[in-house]
Amino acid sequence: VITTATFAASREAASRVVILGGTGRVGASTAVNLLNLRPNVELVLAGRSRENYARALDENPTLANAMFLQTDADDKASVMS
């Protein structure tokens, strides 16, 4: 049974979320909306290039504290790292 207090506590607890494709338009928008709902979340934006990450930060200053993980979803080794 999830009580109101449990739900409220879970919303405040810090957690880590990795968004594959987080440096693209849809992924970055998702990240911004997530941060609006859960400002304490530790956010990792996974994408193919640091240049796309820099562009996402320029377009969405809210993502300034997000970490970047260079990965390619088509490359199993890079996703597993």
PDB file of N, CA and C in Angstrom:
ATOM      1  N   VAL A   1       0.844  -1.175   0.000  1.00  0.00           N
ATOM      2  CA  VAL A   1       0.000   0.000   0.000  1.00  0.00           C
ATOM      3  C   VAL A   1       0.892   1.242   0.000  1.00  0.00           C
ATOM      4  N   ILE A   2       0.635   2.128  -0.941  1.00  0.00           N
ATOM      5  CA  ILE A   2       1.386   3.382  -1.014  1.00  0.00           C
ATOM      6  C   ILE A   2       0.545   4.473  -0.377  1.00  0.00           C
ATOM      7  N   THR A   3       1.082   5.047   0.681  1.00  0.00           N
ATOM      8  CA  THR A   3       0.378   6.130   1.364  1.00  0.00           C
ATOM      9  C   THR A   3       0.798   7.466   0.776  1.00  0.00           C
ATOM     10  N   THR A   4       0.070   8.487   1.118  1.00  0.00           N
ATOM     11  CA  THR A   4       0.417   9.833   0.656  1.00  0.00           C
ATOM     12  C   THR A   4       1.808  10.216   1.141  1.00  0.00           C
ATOM     13  N   ALA A   5       2.143   9.867   2.371  1.00  0.00           N
ATOM     14  CA  ALA A   5       3.465  10.196   2.916  1.00  0.00           C
ATOM     15  C   ALA A   5       4.562   9.457   2.164  1.00  0.00           C
ATOM     16  N   THR A   6       4.331   8.185   1.832  1.00  0.00           N
ATOM     17  CA  THR A   6       5.320   7.410   1.083  1.00  0.00           C
ATOM     18  C   THR A   6       5.522   8.007  -0.295  1.00  0.00           C
ATOM     19  N   PHE A   7       4.426   8.365  -0.944  1.00  0.00           N
ATOM     20  CA  PHE A   7       4.515   8.962  -2.272  1.00  0.00           C
ATOM     21  C   PHE A   7       5.271  10.282  -2.212  1.00  0.00           C
ATOM     22  N   ALA A   8       4.963  11.107  -1.239  1.00  0.00           N
ATOM     23  CA  ALA A   8       5.640  12.400  -1.098  1.00  0.00           C
ATOM     24  C   ALA A   8       7.126  12.193  -0.837  1.00  0.00           C
ATOM     25  N   ALA A   9       7.470  11.224  -0.002  1.00  0.00           N
ATOM     26  CA  ALA A   9       8.880  10.957   0.293  1.00  0.00           C
ATOM     27  C   ALA A   9       9.607  10.460  -0.946  1.00  0.00           C
ATOM     28  N   SER A  10       8.960   9.620  -1.734  1.00  0.00           N
ATOM     29  CA  SER A  10       9.616   9.106  -2.938  1.00  0.00           C
ATOM     30  C   SER A  10       9.838  10.223  -3.952  1.00  0.00           C
ATOM     31  N   ARG A  11       8.974  11.190  -3.983  1.00  0.00           N
ATOM     32  CA  ARG A  11       9.141  12.316  -4.908  1.00  0.00           C
ATOM     33  C   ARG A  11      10.312  13.187  -4.498  1.00  0.00           C
ATOM     34  N   GLU A  12      10.628  13.221  -3.201  1.00  0.00           N
ATOM     35  CA  GLU A  12      11.715  14.058  -2.711  1.00  0.00           C
ATOM     36  C   GLU A  12      13.051  13.338  -2.730  1.00  0.00           C
ATOM     37  N   ALA A  13      13.042  12.015  -2.750  1.00  0.00           N
ATOM     38  CA  ALA A  13      14.286  11.254  -2.730  1.00  0.00           C
ATOM     39  C   ALA A  13      15.065  11.481  -4.026  1.00  0.00           C
ATOM     40  N   ALA A  14      16.363  11.595  -3.869  1.00  0.00           N
ATOM     41  CA  ALA A  14      17.211  11.758  -5.049  1.00  0.00           C
ATOM     42  C   ALA A  14      17.296  10.424  -5.777  1.00  0.00           C
ATOM     43  N   SER A  15      17.269  10.485  -7.080  1.00  0.00           N
ATOM     44  CA  SER A  15      17.427   9.283  -7.887  1.00  0.00           C
ATOM     45  C   SER A  15      18.150   9.661  -9.165  1.00  0.00           C
ATOM     46  N   ARG A  16      18.645   8.654  -9.871  1.00  0.00           N
ATOM     47  CA  ARG A  16      19.366   8.893 -11.115  1.00  0.00           C
ATOM     48  C   ARG A  16      18.527   8.389 -12.282  1.00  0.00           C
ATOM     49  N   VAL A  17      18.437   9.212 -13.304  1.00  0.00           N
ATOM     50  CA  VAL A  17      17.715   8.852 -14.517  1.00  0.00           C
ATOM     51  C   VAL A  17      18.641   9.062 -15.697  1.00  0.00           C
ATOM     52  N   VAL A  18      18.739   8.039 -16.546  1.00  0.00           N
ATOM     53  CA  VAL A  18      19.525   8.131 -17.774  1.00  0.00           C
ATOM     54  C   VAL A  18      18.545   8.212 -18.942  1.00  0.00           C
ATOM     55  N   ILE A  19      18.715   9.224 -19.775  1.00  0.00           N
ATOM     56  CA  ILE A  19      17.859   9.377 -20.948  1.00  0.00           C
ATOM     57  C   ILE A  19      18.707   9.121 -22.187  1.00  0.00           C
ATOM     58  N   LEU A  20      18.462   7.973 -22.846  1.00  0.00           N
ATOM     59  CA  LEU A  20      19.138   7.687 -24.109  1.00  0.00           C
ATOM     60  C   LEU A  20      18.572   8.632 -25.162  1.00  0.00           C
ATOM     61  N   GLY A  21      19.446   9.259 -25.912  1.00  0.00           N
ATOM     62  CA  GLY A  21      18.998  10.267 -26.863  1.00  0.00           C
ATOM     63  C   GLY A  21      18.677  11.575 -26.174  1.00  0.00           C
ATOM     64  N   GLY A  22      19.222  11.757 -24.976  1.00  0.00           N
ATOM     65  CA  GLY A  22      18.927  12.929 -24.158  1.00  0.00           C
ATOM     66  C   GLY A  22      19.458  14.238 -24.698  1.00  0.00           C
ATOM     67  N   THR A  23      20.321  14.183 -25.707  1.00  0.00           N
ATOM     68  CA  THR A  23      20.861  15.420 -26.265  1.00  0.00           C
ATOM     69  C   THR A  23      20.085  15.881 -27.494  1.00  0.00           C
ATOM     70  N   GLY A  24      19.128  15.084 -27.948  1.00  0.00           N
ATOM     71  CA  GLY A  24      18.290  15.467 -29.082  1.00  0.00           C
ATOM     72  C   GLY A  24      17.124  16.334 -28.639  1.00  0.00           C
ATOM     73  N   ARG A  25      16.332  16.755 -29.585  1.00  0.00           N
ATOM     74  CA  ARG A  25      15.221  17.659 -29.283  1.00  0.00           C
ATOM     75  C   ARG A  25      14.200  17.017 -28.337  1.00  0.00           C
ATOM     76  N   VAL A  26      13.764  15.805 -28.646  1.00  0.00           N
ATOM     77  CA  VAL A  26      12.758  15.135 -27.819  1.00  0.00           C
ATOM     78  C   VAL A  26      13.343  14.732 -26.469  1.00  0.00           C
ATOM     79  N   GLY A  27      14.560  14.183 -26.480  1.00  0.00           N
ATOM     80  CA  GLY A  27      15.191  13.765 -25.232  1.00  0.00           C
ATOM     81  C   GLY A  27      15.453  14.931 -24.291  1.00  0.00           C
ATOM     82  N   ALA A  28      15.949  16.044 -24.835  1.00  0.00           N
ATOM     83  CA  ALA A  28      16.220  17.221 -24.007  1.00  0.00           C
ATOM     84  C   ALA A  28      14.924  17.813 -23.452  1.00  0.00           C
ATOM     85  N   SER A  29      13.875  17.819 -24.253  1.00  0.00           N
ATOM     86  CA  SER A  29      12.573  18.308 -23.765  1.00  0.00           C
ATOM     87  C   SER A  29      12.053  17.417 -22.648  1.00  0.00           C
ATOM     88  N   THR A  30      12.239  16.119 -22.812  1.00  0.00           N
ATOM     89  CA  THR A  30      11.844  15.177 -21.761  1.00  0.00           C
ATOM     90  C   THR A  30      12.625  15.453 -20.488  1.00  0.00           C
ATOM     91  N   ALA A  31      13.926  15.703 -20.632  1.00  0.00           N
ATOM     92  CA  ALA A  31      14.772  15.981 -19.476  1.00  0.00           C
ATOM     93  C   ALA A  31      14.332  17.255 -18.753  1.00  0.00           C
ATOM     94  N   VAL A  32      14.033  18.288 -19.499  1.00  0.00           N
ATOM     95  CA  VAL A  32      13.580  19.550 -18.893  1.00  0.00           C
ATOM     96  C   VAL A  32      12.283  19.331 -18.124  1.00  0.00           C
ATOM     97  N   ASN A  33      11.342  18.614 -18.722  1.00  0.00           N
ATOM     98  CA  ASN A  33      10.070  18.353 -18.043  1.00  0.00           C
ATOM     99  C   ASN A  33      10.265  17.507 -16.800  1.00  0.00           C
ATOM    100  N   LEU A  34      11.160  16.528 -16.871  1.00  0.00           N
ATOM    101  CA  LEU A  34      11.453  15.706 -15.699  1.00  0.00           C
ATOM    102  C   LEU A  34      12.027  16.559 -14.579  1.00  0.00           C
ATOM    103  N   LEU A  35      12.955  17.448 -14.913  1.00  0.00           N
ATOM    104  CA  LEU A  35      13.531  18.325 -13.892  1.00  0.00           C
ATOM    105  C   LEU A  35      12.499  19.270 -13.296  1.00  0.00           C
ATOM    106  N   ASN A  36      11.522  19.671 -14.076  1.00  0.00           N
ATOM    107  CA  ASN A  36      10.449  20.507 -13.534  1.00  0.00           C
ATOM    108  C   ASN A  36       9.622  19.733 -12.513  1.00  0.00           C
ATOM    109  N   LEU A  37       9.437  18.440 -12.761  1.00  0.00           N
ATOM    110  CA  LEU A  37       8.658  17.600 -11.839  1.00  0.00           C
ATOM    111  C   LEU A  37       9.480  17.098 -10.662  1.00  0.00           C
ATOM    112  N   ARG A  38      10.754  16.794 -10.907  1.00  0.00           N
ATOM    113  CA  ARG A  38      11.635  16.218  -9.889  1.00  0.00           C
ATOM    114  C   ARG A  38      12.964  16.961  -9.886  1.00  0.00           C
ATOM    115  N   PRO A  39      13.016  18.146  -9.304  1.00  0.00           N
ATOM    116  CA  PRO A  39      14.242  18.953  -9.360  1.00  0.00           C
ATOM    117  C   PRO A  39      15.459  18.305  -8.711  1.00  0.00           C
ATOM    118  N   ASN A  40      15.261  17.319  -7.835  1.00  0.00           N
ATOM    119  CA  ASN A  40      16.388  16.686  -7.153  1.00  0.00           C
ATOM    120  C   ASN A  40      16.954  15.488  -7.900  1.00  0.00           C
ATOM    121  N   VAL A  41      16.399  15.170  -9.042  1.00  0.00           N
ATOM    122  CA  VAL A  41      16.852  13.997  -9.777  1.00  0.00           C
ATOM    123  C   VAL A  41      18.259  14.225 -10.329  1.00  0.00           C
ATOM    124  N   GLU A  42      19.082  13.183 -10.288  1.00  0.00           N
ATOM    125  CA  GLU A  42      20.404  13.223 -10.897  1.00  0.00           C
ATOM    126  C   GLU A  42      20.216  12.763 -12.340  1.00  0.00           C
ATOM    127  N   LEU A  43      20.460  13.643 -13.269  1.00  0.00           N
ATOM    128  CA  LEU A  43      20.120  13.398 -14.658  1.00  0.00           C
ATOM    129  C   LEU A  43      21.368  13.140 -15.495  1.00  0.00           C
ATOM    130  N   VAL A  44      21.308  12.065 -16.291  1.00  0.00           N
ATOM    131  CA  VAL A  44      22.388  11.729 -17.208  1.00  0.00           C
ATOM    132  C   VAL A  44      21.807  11.742 -18.619  1.00  0.00           C
ATOM    133  N   LEU A  45      22.370  12.583 -19.470  1.00  0.00           N
ATOM    134  CA  LEU A  45      21.948  12.643 -20.865  1.00  0.00           C
ATOM    135  C   LEU A  45      22.927  11.820 -21.689  1.00  0.00           C
ATOM    136  N   ALA A  46      22.438  10.754 -22.285  1.00  0.00           N
ATOM    137  CA  ALA A  46      23.283   9.883 -23.092  1.00  0.00           C
ATOM    138  C   ALA A  46      23.059  10.208 -24.558  1.00  0.00           C
ATOM    139  N   GLY A  47      24.144  10.386 -25.270  1.00  0.00           N
ATOM    140  CA  GLY A  47      24.043  10.714 -26.685  1.00  0.00           C
ATOM    141  C   GLY A  47      25.326  10.406 -27.420  1.00  0.00           C
ATOM    142  N   ARG A  48      25.286  10.580 -28.715  1.00  0.00           N
ATOM    143  CA  ARG A  48      26.423  10.211 -29.554  1.00  0.00           C
ATOM    144  C   ARG A  48      27.568  11.210 -29.533  1.00  0.00           C
ATOM    145  N   SER A  49      27.273  12.490 -29.330  1.00  0.00           N
ATOM    146  CA  SER A  49      28.364  13.464 -29.438  1.00  0.00           C
ATOM    147  C   SER A  49      28.269  14.560 -28.386  1.00  0.00           C
ATOM    148  N   ARG A  50      29.445  14.983 -27.968  1.00  0.00           N
ATOM    149  CA  ARG A  50      29.533  16.081 -27.000  1.00  0.00           C
ATOM    150  C   ARG A  50      29.016  17.378 -27.619  1.00  0.00           C
ATOM    151  N   GLU A  51      29.132  17.525 -28.935  1.00  0.00           N
ATOM    152  CA  GLU A  51      28.629  18.725 -29.605  1.00  0.00           C
ATOM    153  C   GLU A  51      27.107  18.832 -29.455  1.00  0.00           C
ATOM    154  N   ASN A  52      26.415  17.717 -29.590  1.00  0.00           N
ATOM    155  CA  ASN A  52      24.958  17.725 -29.396  1.00  0.00           C
ATOM    156  C   ASN A  52      24.602  18.042 -27.952  1.00  0.00           C
ATOM    157  N   TYR A  53      25.419  17.560 -27.022  1.00  0.00           N
ATOM    158  CA  TYR A  53      25.214  17.866 -25.604  1.00  0.00           C
ATOM    159  C   TYR A  53      25.365  19.374 -25.370  1.00  0.00           C
ATOM    160  N   ALA A  54      26.418  19.965 -25.944  1.00  0.00           N
ATOM    161  CA  ALA A  54      26.637  21.412 -25.797  1.00  0.00           C
ATOM    162  C   ALA A  54      25.475  22.197 -26.392  1.00  0.00           C
ATOM    163  N   ARG A  55      24.974  21.755 -27.537  1.00  0.00           N
ATOM    164  CA  ARG A  55      23.829  22.426 -28.166  1.00  0.00           C
ATOM    165  C   ARG A  55      22.588  22.309 -27.277  1.00  0.00           C
ATOM    166  N   ALA A  56      22.370  21.129 -26.711  1.00  0.00           N
ATOM    167  CA  ALA A  56      21.213  20.936 -25.822  1.00  0.00           C
ATOM    168  C   ALA A  56      21.300  21.869 -24.616  1.00  0.00           C
ATOM    169  N   LEU A  57      22.508  22.047 -24.071  1.00  0.00           N
ATOM    170  CA  LEU A  57      22.686  22.957 -22.933  1.00  0.00           C
ATOM    171  C   LEU A  57      22.443  24.406 -23.333  1.00  0.00           C
ATOM    172  N   ASP A  58      22.911  24.782 -24.511  1.00  0.00           N
ATOM    173  CA  ASP A  58      22.685  26.148 -24.996  1.00  0.00           C
ATOM    174  C   ASP A  58      21.198  26.427 -25.149  1.00  0.00           C
ATOM    175  N   GLU A  59      20.453  25.449 -25.656  1.00  0.00           N
ATOM    176  CA  GLU A  59      19.021  25.632 -25.900  1.00  0.00           C
ATOM    177  C   GLU A  59      18.171  25.444 -24.647  1.00  0.00           C
ATOM    178  N   ASN A  60      18.722  24.754 -23.644  1.00  0.00           N
ATOM    179  CA  ASN A  60      17.965  24.442 -22.420  1.00  0.00           C
ATOM    180  C   ASN A  60      18.856  24.648 -21.200  1.00  0.00           C
ATOM    181  N   PRO A  61      19.038  25.881 -20.746  1.00  0.00           N
ATOM    182  CA  PRO A  61      19.915  26.141 -19.602  1.00  0.00           C
ATOM    183  C   PRO A  61      19.528  25.366 -18.342  1.00  0.00           C
ATOM    184  N   THR A  62      18.287  24.901 -18.270  1.00  0.00           N
ATOM    185  CA  THR A  62      17.833  24.101 -17.136  1.00  0.00           C
ATOM    186  C   THR A  62      18.665  22.832 -16.985  1.00  0.00           C
ATOM    187  N   LEU A  63      19.284  22.378 -18.064  1.00  0.00           N
ATOM    188  CA  LEU A  63      20.043  21.132 -18.059  1.00  0.00           C
ATOM    189  C   LEU A  63      21.497  21.308 -17.633  1.00  0.00           C
ATOM    190  N   ALA A  64      21.840  22.469 -17.133  1.00  0.00           N
ATOM    191  CA  ALA A  64      23.234  22.789 -16.805  1.00  0.00           C
ATOM    192  C   ALA A  64      23.868  21.778 -15.846  1.00  0.00           C
ATOM    193  N   ASN A  65      23.105  21.185 -14.962  1.00  0.00           N
ATOM    194  CA  ASN A  65      23.665  20.241 -13.996  1.00  0.00           C
ATOM    195  C   ASN A  65      23.586  18.787 -14.450  1.00  0.00           C
ATOM    196  N   ALA A  66      23.058  18.562 -15.623  1.00  0.00           N
ATOM    197  CA  ALA A  66      22.969  17.194 -16.144  1.00  0.00           C
ATOM    198  C   ALA A  66      24.355  16.713 -16.571  1.00  0.00           C
ATOM    199  N   MET A  67      24.620  15.441 -16.329  1.00  0.00           N
ATOM    200  CA  MET A  67      25.869  14.835 -16.775  1.00  0.00           C
ATOM    201  C   MET A  67      25.699  14.332 -18.203  1.00  0.00           C
ATOM    202  N   PHE A  68      26.821  14.140 -18.878  1.00  0.00           N
ATOM    203  CA  PHE A  68      26.795  13.628 -20.247  1.00  0.00           C
ATOM    204  C   PHE A  68      27.494  12.283 -20.293  1.00  0.00           C
ATOM    205  N   LEU A  69      26.901  11.339 -21.007  1.00  0.00           N
ATOM    206  CA  LEU A  69      27.503  10.035 -21.244  1.00  0.00           C
ATOM    207  C   LEU A  69      27.513   9.803 -22.738  1.00  0.00           C
ATOM    208  N   GLN A  70      28.713   9.731 -23.326  1.00  0.00           N
ATOM    209  CA  GLN A  70      28.790   9.501 -24.763  1.00  0.00           C
ATOM    210  C   GLN A  70      28.549   8.021 -25.024  1.00  0.00           C
ATOM    211  N   THR A  71      27.516   7.744 -25.801  1.00  0.00           N
ATOM    212  CA  THR A  71      27.148   6.372 -26.107  1.00  0.00           C
ATOM    213  C   THR A  71      26.393   6.315 -27.422  1.00  0.00           C
ATOM    214  N   ASP A  72      26.372   5.146 -28.008  1.00  0.00           N
ATOM    215  CA  ASP A  72      25.633   4.899 -29.236  1.00  0.00           C
ATOM    216  C   ASP A  72      24.758   3.677 -28.977  1.00  0.00           C
ATOM    217  N   ALA A  73      23.459   3.845 -29.036  1.00  0.00           N
ATOM    218  CA  ALA A  73      22.530   2.751 -28.722  1.00  0.00           C
ATOM    219  C   ALA A  73      22.724   1.553 -29.639  1.00  0.00           C
ATOM    220  N   ASP A  74      23.326   1.764 -30.795  1.00  0.00           N
ATOM    221  CA  ASP A  74      23.593   0.654 -31.716  1.00  0.00           C
ATOM    222  C   ASP A  74      24.866  -0.114 -31.352  1.00  0.00           C
ATOM    223  N   ASP A  75      25.638   0.408 -30.404  1.00  0.00           N
ATOM    224  CA  ASP A  75      26.896  -0.211 -29.987  1.00  0.00           C
ATOM    225  C   ASP A  75      26.741  -0.717 -28.556  1.00  0.00           C
ATOM    226  N   LYS A  76      26.535  -2.030 -28.414  1.00  0.00           N
ATOM    227  CA  LYS A  76      26.259  -2.628 -27.110  1.00  0.00           C
ATOM    228  C   LYS A  76      27.336  -2.294 -26.078  1.00  0.00           C
ATOM    229  N   ALA A  77      28.586  -2.292 -26.484  1.00  0.00           N
ATOM    230  CA  ALA A  77      29.686  -2.010 -25.559  1.00  0.00           C
ATOM    231  C   ALA A  77      29.590  -0.598 -24.996  1.00  0.00           C
ATOM    232  N   SER A  78      29.204   0.370 -25.802  1.00  0.00           N
ATOM    233  CA  SER A  78      29.133   1.740 -25.291  1.00  0.00           C
ATOM    234  C   SER A  78      27.937   1.938 -24.365  1.00  0.00           C
ATOM    235  N   VAL A  79      26.876   1.174 -24.590  1.00  0.00           N
ATOM    236  CA  VAL A  79      25.694   1.276 -23.721  1.00  0.00           C
ATOM    237  C   VAL A  79      25.968   0.621 -22.371  1.00  0.00           C
ATOM    238  N   MET A  80      26.742  -0.433 -22.364  1.00  0.00           N
ATOM    239  CA  MET A  80      27.028  -1.175 -21.139  1.00  0.00           C
ATOM    240  C   MET A  80      28.060  -0.499 -20.250  1.00  0.00           C
ATOM    241  N   SER A  81      28.751   0.531 -20.750  1.00  0.00           N
ATOM    242  CA  SER A  81      29.794   1.164 -19.951  1.00  0.00           C
ATOM    243  C   SER A  81      29.245   2.089 -18.897  1.00  0.00           C
TER     244      SER A  81
END
